[in-house]
N, C-alpha and C. Protein backbone atom coordinates (compact mmCIF):
# COMPACT_ATOMS: atom_id res chain seq x y z
N MET A 1 50.12 47.80 128.93
CA MET A 1 49.45 49.08 128.84
C MET A 1 49.25 49.45 127.38
N MET A 2 48.03 49.82 127.03
CA MET A 2 47.71 50.19 125.66
C MET A 2 47.92 51.69 125.46
N ILE A 3 48.60 52.08 124.39
CA ILE A 3 48.85 53.49 124.10
C ILE A 3 47.75 53.99 123.18
N ALA A 4 47.14 55.09 123.57
CA ALA A 4 46.03 55.66 122.80
C ALA A 4 46.57 56.36 121.56
N LYS A 5 45.78 56.30 120.52
CA LYS A 5 46.09 57.05 119.31
C LYS A 5 45.79 58.52 119.61
N LEU A 6 46.70 59.40 119.22
CA LEU A 6 46.54 60.82 119.50
C LEU A 6 45.50 61.46 118.59
N HIS A 7 44.88 62.53 119.08
CA HIS A 7 43.95 63.30 118.25
C HIS A 7 44.70 63.97 117.11
N LYS A 8 43.95 64.29 116.05
CA LYS A 8 44.53 65.09 114.98
C LYS A 8 44.83 66.48 115.52
N GLU A 9 45.70 67.21 114.82
CA GLU A 9 46.17 68.51 115.31
C GLU A 9 45.03 69.50 115.56
N THR A 10 44.02 69.51 114.72
CA THR A 10 42.92 70.45 114.93
C THR A 10 42.20 70.16 116.24
N LYS A 11 42.03 68.90 116.58
CA LYS A 11 41.40 68.54 117.84
C LYS A 11 42.32 68.87 119.02
N GLN A 12 43.62 68.63 118.86
CA GLN A 12 44.59 68.99 119.90
C GLN A 12 44.51 70.50 120.18
N GLN A 13 44.46 71.31 119.12
CA GLN A 13 44.38 72.76 119.28
C GLN A 13 43.10 73.16 120.00
N GLU A 14 42.00 72.54 119.63
CA GLU A 14 40.72 72.82 120.26
C GLU A 14 40.77 72.50 121.76
N LEU A 15 41.34 71.37 122.11
CA LEU A 15 41.44 70.98 123.52
C LEU A 15 42.42 71.87 124.29
N ARG A 16 43.54 72.23 123.64
CA ARG A 16 44.49 73.15 124.30
C ARG A 16 43.83 74.49 124.58
N GLN A 17 43.05 74.98 123.60
CA GLN A 17 42.37 76.26 123.79
C GLN A 17 41.36 76.18 124.93
N ALA A 18 40.63 75.07 125.00
CA ALA A 18 39.67 74.88 126.09
C ALA A 18 40.39 74.87 127.44
N LEU A 19 41.54 74.22 127.50
CA LEU A 19 42.32 74.17 128.73
C LEU A 19 42.81 75.57 129.11
N VAL A 20 43.33 76.31 128.15
CA VAL A 20 43.81 77.68 128.40
C VAL A 20 42.64 78.56 128.85
N ASN A 21 41.50 78.43 128.21
CA ASN A 21 40.32 79.20 128.62
C ASN A 21 39.97 78.91 130.07
N TRP A 22 40.07 77.65 130.47
CA TRP A 22 39.79 77.26 131.86
C TRP A 22 40.79 77.93 132.82
N PHE A 23 42.09 77.89 132.45
CA PHE A 23 43.10 78.54 133.27
C PHE A 23 42.78 80.02 133.46
N ILE A 24 42.46 80.70 132.37
CA ILE A 24 42.22 82.14 132.41
C ILE A 24 40.93 82.46 133.16
N ALA A 25 39.85 81.79 132.83
CA ALA A 25 38.54 82.10 133.42
C ALA A 25 38.51 81.88 134.92
N ASN A 26 39.34 80.97 135.40
CA ASN A 26 39.34 80.65 136.83
C ASN A 26 40.59 81.14 137.57
N SER A 27 41.40 81.95 136.88
CA SER A 27 42.64 82.49 137.47
C SER A 27 43.50 81.38 138.08
N ILE A 28 43.64 80.29 137.35
CA ILE A 28 44.44 79.16 137.80
C ILE A 28 45.92 79.44 137.50
N PRO A 29 46.81 79.26 138.46
CA PRO A 29 48.23 79.45 138.17
C PRO A 29 48.69 78.48 137.07
N LEU A 30 49.50 78.98 136.15
CA LEU A 30 49.94 78.16 135.03
C LEU A 30 50.78 76.97 135.45
N ASN A 31 51.45 77.07 136.58
CA ASN A 31 52.30 75.96 137.00
C ASN A 31 51.49 74.73 137.42
N VAL A 32 50.17 74.85 137.49
CA VAL A 32 49.32 73.67 137.73
C VAL A 32 49.54 72.66 136.59
N ALA A 33 49.81 73.18 135.39
CA ALA A 33 50.03 72.30 134.24
C ALA A 33 51.26 71.41 134.44
N LYS A 34 52.17 71.79 135.33
CA LYS A 34 53.36 70.99 135.62
C LYS A 34 53.06 69.84 136.58
N SER A 35 51.94 69.92 137.26
CA SER A 35 51.62 68.93 138.28
C SER A 35 51.43 67.54 137.66
N GLU A 36 52.15 66.58 138.21
CA GLU A 36 52.04 65.21 137.73
C GLU A 36 50.61 64.69 137.90
N MET A 37 49.98 65.01 139.02
CA MET A 37 48.61 64.54 139.26
C MET A 37 47.61 65.19 138.29
N PHE A 38 47.82 66.47 137.97
CA PHE A 38 46.96 67.15 137.00
C PHE A 38 47.11 66.50 135.64
N GLN A 39 48.33 66.21 135.24
CA GLN A 39 48.57 65.58 133.95
C GLN A 39 47.96 64.18 133.91
N LYS A 40 48.07 63.43 135.01
CA LYS A 40 47.45 62.10 135.08
C LYS A 40 45.94 62.22 134.98
N PHE A 41 45.37 63.21 135.65
CA PHE A 41 43.93 63.44 135.60
C PHE A 41 43.47 63.70 134.17
N LEU A 42 44.15 64.60 133.47
CA LEU A 42 43.79 64.88 132.08
C LEU A 42 43.95 63.65 131.20
N HIS A 43 44.99 62.88 131.47
CA HIS A 43 45.20 61.66 130.69
C HIS A 43 44.06 60.66 130.91
N GLU A 44 43.58 60.57 132.14
CA GLU A 44 42.44 59.68 132.43
C GLU A 44 41.19 60.16 131.71
N LEU A 45 41.01 61.48 131.64
CA LEU A 45 39.84 62.02 130.94
C LEU A 45 39.92 61.78 129.44
N ASP A 46 41.13 61.98 128.89
CA ASP A 46 41.30 61.83 127.45
C ASP A 46 42.74 61.43 127.15
N PRO A 47 43.00 60.12 127.01
CA PRO A 47 44.37 59.66 126.77
C PRO A 47 44.95 60.13 125.43
N ALA A 48 44.11 60.58 124.51
CA ALA A 48 44.60 61.02 123.20
C ALA A 48 44.99 62.50 123.18
N PHE A 49 44.83 63.18 124.31
CA PHE A 49 45.18 64.60 124.41
C PHE A 49 46.59 64.76 124.95
N LEU A 50 47.42 65.49 124.21
CA LEU A 50 48.77 65.81 124.68
C LEU A 50 48.68 67.08 125.53
N VAL A 51 48.94 66.95 126.81
CA VAL A 51 48.85 68.09 127.72
C VAL A 51 49.97 69.07 127.39
N PRO A 52 49.64 70.34 127.11
CA PRO A 52 50.69 71.31 126.76
C PRO A 52 51.52 71.70 127.99
N ASP A 53 52.77 72.05 127.73
CA ASP A 53 53.60 72.53 128.82
C ASP A 53 53.31 74.02 129.04
N VAL A 54 53.87 74.56 130.12
CA VAL A 54 53.62 75.95 130.48
C VAL A 54 54.05 76.90 129.36
N LYS A 55 55.16 76.60 128.72
CA LYS A 55 55.66 77.46 127.64
C LYS A 55 54.62 77.57 126.52
N LEU A 56 54.02 76.46 126.13
CA LEU A 56 53.02 76.49 125.07
C LEU A 56 51.75 77.21 125.53
N ILE A 57 51.36 77.02 126.77
CA ILE A 57 50.20 77.72 127.31
C ILE A 57 50.43 79.23 127.25
N LYS A 58 51.61 79.66 127.64
CA LYS A 58 51.94 81.09 127.57
C LYS A 58 51.91 81.60 126.14
N GLN A 59 52.40 80.79 125.20
CA GLN A 59 52.37 81.20 123.79
C GLN A 59 50.94 81.37 123.30
N ILE A 60 50.06 80.48 123.69
CA ILE A 60 48.65 80.57 123.30
C ILE A 60 48.03 81.84 123.86
N ILE A 61 48.34 82.14 125.13
CA ILE A 61 47.81 83.36 125.76
C ILE A 61 48.35 84.60 125.06
N HIS A 62 49.65 84.63 124.77
CA HIS A 62 50.25 85.78 124.09
C HIS A 62 49.66 85.95 122.69
N HIS A 63 49.45 84.87 121.99
CA HIS A 63 48.85 84.95 120.66
C HIS A 63 47.45 85.55 120.74
N ALA A 64 46.67 85.10 121.70
CA ALA A 64 45.31 85.63 121.88
C ALA A 64 45.35 87.12 122.22
N TYR A 65 46.29 87.50 123.07
CA TYR A 65 46.45 88.90 123.44
C TYR A 65 46.80 89.74 122.21
N ASN A 66 47.79 89.29 121.44
CA ASN A 66 48.23 90.04 120.26
C ASN A 66 47.13 90.13 119.20
N TYR A 67 46.27 89.13 119.14
CA TYR A 67 45.16 89.15 118.20
C TYR A 67 44.04 90.08 118.69
N THR A 68 43.77 90.04 119.99
CA THR A 68 42.62 90.74 120.56
C THR A 68 42.86 92.22 120.81
N LEU A 69 44.06 92.60 121.23
CA LEU A 69 44.34 93.99 121.58
C LEU A 69 43.98 94.98 120.47
N PRO A 70 44.41 94.77 119.23
CA PRO A 70 44.03 95.73 118.19
C PRO A 70 42.51 95.80 117.98
N LEU A 71 41.82 94.68 118.15
CA LEU A 71 40.37 94.69 118.00
C LEU A 71 39.71 95.51 119.11
N ILE A 72 40.22 95.38 120.32
CA ILE A 72 39.69 96.17 121.45
C ILE A 72 39.95 97.65 121.22
N ILE A 73 41.16 97.99 120.81
CA ILE A 73 41.50 99.39 120.54
C ILE A 73 40.59 99.96 119.46
N GLN A 74 40.40 99.21 118.40
CA GLN A 74 39.53 99.65 117.31
C GLN A 74 38.10 99.85 117.80
N TYR A 75 37.60 98.93 118.59
CA TYR A 75 36.24 99.03 119.11
C TYR A 75 36.09 100.26 120.00
N ILE A 76 37.08 100.50 120.87
CA ILE A 76 37.04 101.67 121.75
C ILE A 76 37.06 102.95 120.94
N GLU A 77 37.94 103.02 119.95
CA GLU A 77 38.03 104.22 119.12
C GLU A 77 36.73 104.51 118.40
N MET A 78 36.03 103.47 118.01
CA MET A 78 34.80 103.65 117.23
C MET A 78 33.56 103.88 118.10
N HIS A 79 33.55 103.37 119.33
CA HIS A 79 32.32 103.36 120.10
C HIS A 79 32.36 104.07 121.45
N ALA A 80 33.53 104.28 122.01
CA ALA A 80 33.60 104.80 123.37
C ALA A 80 33.58 106.32 123.41
N ILE A 81 32.87 106.85 124.37
CA ILE A 81 32.88 108.28 124.65
C ILE A 81 33.95 108.56 125.70
N SER A 82 34.03 107.68 126.68
CA SER A 82 35.08 107.75 127.69
C SER A 82 35.46 106.33 128.09
N VAL A 83 36.64 106.20 128.71
CA VAL A 83 37.14 104.88 129.08
C VAL A 83 37.68 104.94 130.50
N ASN A 84 37.36 103.94 131.30
CA ASN A 84 37.91 103.77 132.64
C ASN A 84 38.58 102.41 132.65
N LEU A 85 39.86 102.37 132.96
CA LEU A 85 40.62 101.13 132.88
C LEU A 85 41.22 100.80 134.24
N THR A 86 40.99 99.58 134.70
CA THR A 86 41.56 99.08 135.95
C THR A 86 42.34 97.82 135.63
N THR A 87 43.51 97.67 136.22
CA THR A 87 44.29 96.46 136.00
C THR A 87 44.65 95.80 137.31
N ASP A 88 44.91 94.53 137.23
CA ASP A 88 45.37 93.76 138.38
C ASP A 88 46.45 92.82 137.85
N LEU A 89 47.65 92.93 138.37
CA LEU A 89 48.75 92.10 137.90
C LEU A 89 49.17 91.12 138.97
N TRP A 90 49.57 89.94 138.53
CA TRP A 90 50.04 88.92 139.46
C TRP A 90 51.01 88.01 138.74
N THR A 91 51.68 87.18 139.49
CA THR A 91 52.61 86.23 138.90
C THR A 91 52.07 84.83 139.10
N ALA A 92 52.69 83.88 138.46
CA ALA A 92 52.31 82.47 138.49
C ALA A 92 51.33 82.27 137.44
């Protein structure tokens, strides 16, 4: 079995972000990343990509949240006349 050379860190980050975007946009449970078949599938698509674990996926999401929240607040303060907010919470 031939071992693939891994992508450089910038490419790994780009691919991790694309994967996280897919999870979020499609409301995919994060524990799918633990699936052996999912990991094999990603490896078949790109053997040079290191599939992140759930902990790293959560860190990426939290980082995006912490970066985006102040921008949203600033935008609302500058542009909104009124705000209506609805939330939906779930686990997994």
